[in-house]
């Protein structure tokens, strides 16, 4: 698992981190890890289909023909 070293952290921030960790009966390292992860990593990662659907949400698609083309295709010969 990757590690980081945070240099030049303000003394006030360090004291606040240690105090909050102490209040929660945990280590400052585990609290810092939680803060970083909750801030940087989204809780729910949406898939590509959901993101595309969100882009088109509310759009008027009544005039759009979405019928699938069922014409057979010939595979490419890549030799």
Protein backbone atom coordinates (compact mmCIF):
# COMPACT_ATOMS: atom_id res chain seq x y z
CA UNK A 1 0.00 0.00 0.00
CA UNK A 2 1.42 3.43 -0.90
CA UNK A 3 2.60 5.79 1.80
CA UNK A 4 3.08 9.54 1.97
CA UNK A 5 5.03 11.82 4.26
CA UNK A 6 3.53 15.24 4.90
CA UNK A 7 6.20 17.83 5.54
CA UNK A 8 5.76 21.33 6.92
CA UNK A 9 2.32 20.68 8.40
CA UNK A 10 1.27 23.65 10.52
CA UNK A 11 1.63 23.00 14.24
CA UNK A 12 -1.99 24.05 14.74
CA UNK A 13 -3.22 21.47 12.22
CA UNK A 14 -1.06 18.77 13.82
CA UNK A 15 -2.41 19.55 17.29
CA UNK A 16 -6.01 19.58 16.00
CA UNK A 17 -5.49 16.21 14.30
CA UNK A 18 -4.02 14.67 17.43
CA UNK A 19 -6.81 16.12 19.62
CA UNK A 20 -9.59 14.85 17.34
CA UNK A 21 -7.95 11.43 17.12
CA UNK A 22 -7.70 11.30 20.91
CA UNK A 23 -11.42 12.21 21.23
CA UNK A 24 -12.30 9.32 18.90
CA UNK A 25 -9.90 6.88 20.64
CA UNK A 26 -7.90 6.28 17.49
CA UNK A 27 -4.52 7.08 16.02
CA UNK A 28 -3.75 10.33 14.24
CA UNK A 29 -2.59 8.29 11.26
CA UNK A 30 -5.91 6.44 10.89
CA UNK A 31 -7.84 9.71 11.25
CA UNK A 32 -5.64 11.44 8.65
CA UNK A 33 -6.18 8.47 6.31
CA UNK A 34 -9.95 8.71 6.76
CA UNK A 35 -9.95 12.46 6.16
CA UNK A 36 -7.91 12.11 2.97
CA UNK A 37 -9.98 9.23 1.61
CA UNK A 38 -13.35 10.80 2.39
CA UNK A 39 -12.24 14.06 0.79
CA UNK A 40 -10.56 12.67 -2.32
CA UNK A 41 -12.38 9.42 -3.17
CA UNK A 42 -16.04 9.68 -4.17
CA UNK A 43 -18.38 7.52 -2.09
CA UNK A 44 -20.24 6.07 -5.03
CA UNK A 45 -18.44 5.69 -8.28
CA UNK A 46 -20.93 5.92 -11.09
CA UNK A 47 -20.43 3.93 -14.24
CA UNK A 48 -20.11 5.32 -17.72
CA UNK A 49 -23.73 4.52 -18.58
CA UNK A 50 -25.02 6.40 -15.55
CA UNK A 51 -22.87 9.42 -16.35
CA UNK A 52 -24.05 9.48 -19.99
CA UNK A 53 -27.65 9.13 -18.82
CA UNK A 54 -27.18 12.06 -16.44
CA UNK A 55 -25.91 14.19 -19.33
CA UNK A 56 -29.11 13.56 -21.28
CA UNK A 57 -31.53 13.74 -18.33
CA UNK A 58 -34.42 16.06 -19.16
CA UNK A 59 -33.56 16.28 -22.88
CA UNK A 60 -36.43 16.07 -25.35
CA UNK A 61 -35.64 12.98 -27.41
CA UNK A 62 -39.12 12.52 -28.93
CA UNK A 63 -37.78 13.18 -32.45
CA UNK A 64 -34.78 10.89 -32.13
CA UNK A 65 -34.93 7.45 -33.75
CA UNK A 66 -33.17 4.99 -31.45
CA UNK A 67 -33.96 1.80 -33.35
CA UNK A 68 -31.07 -0.61 -33.49
CA UNK A 69 -29.56 -1.43 -36.88
CA UNK A 70 -29.78 -5.22 -37.15
CA UNK A 71 -27.96 -5.51 -40.48
CA UNK A 72 -25.46 -8.38 -40.33
CA UNK A 73 -21.84 -7.35 -40.61
CA UNK A 74 -18.75 -8.98 -42.02
CA UNK A 75 -15.82 -9.20 -39.64
CA UNK A 76 -12.66 -7.38 -40.73
CA UNK A 77 -9.87 -9.48 -42.14
CA UNK A 78 -6.77 -8.12 -40.42
CA UNK A 79 -4.31 -10.50 -41.98
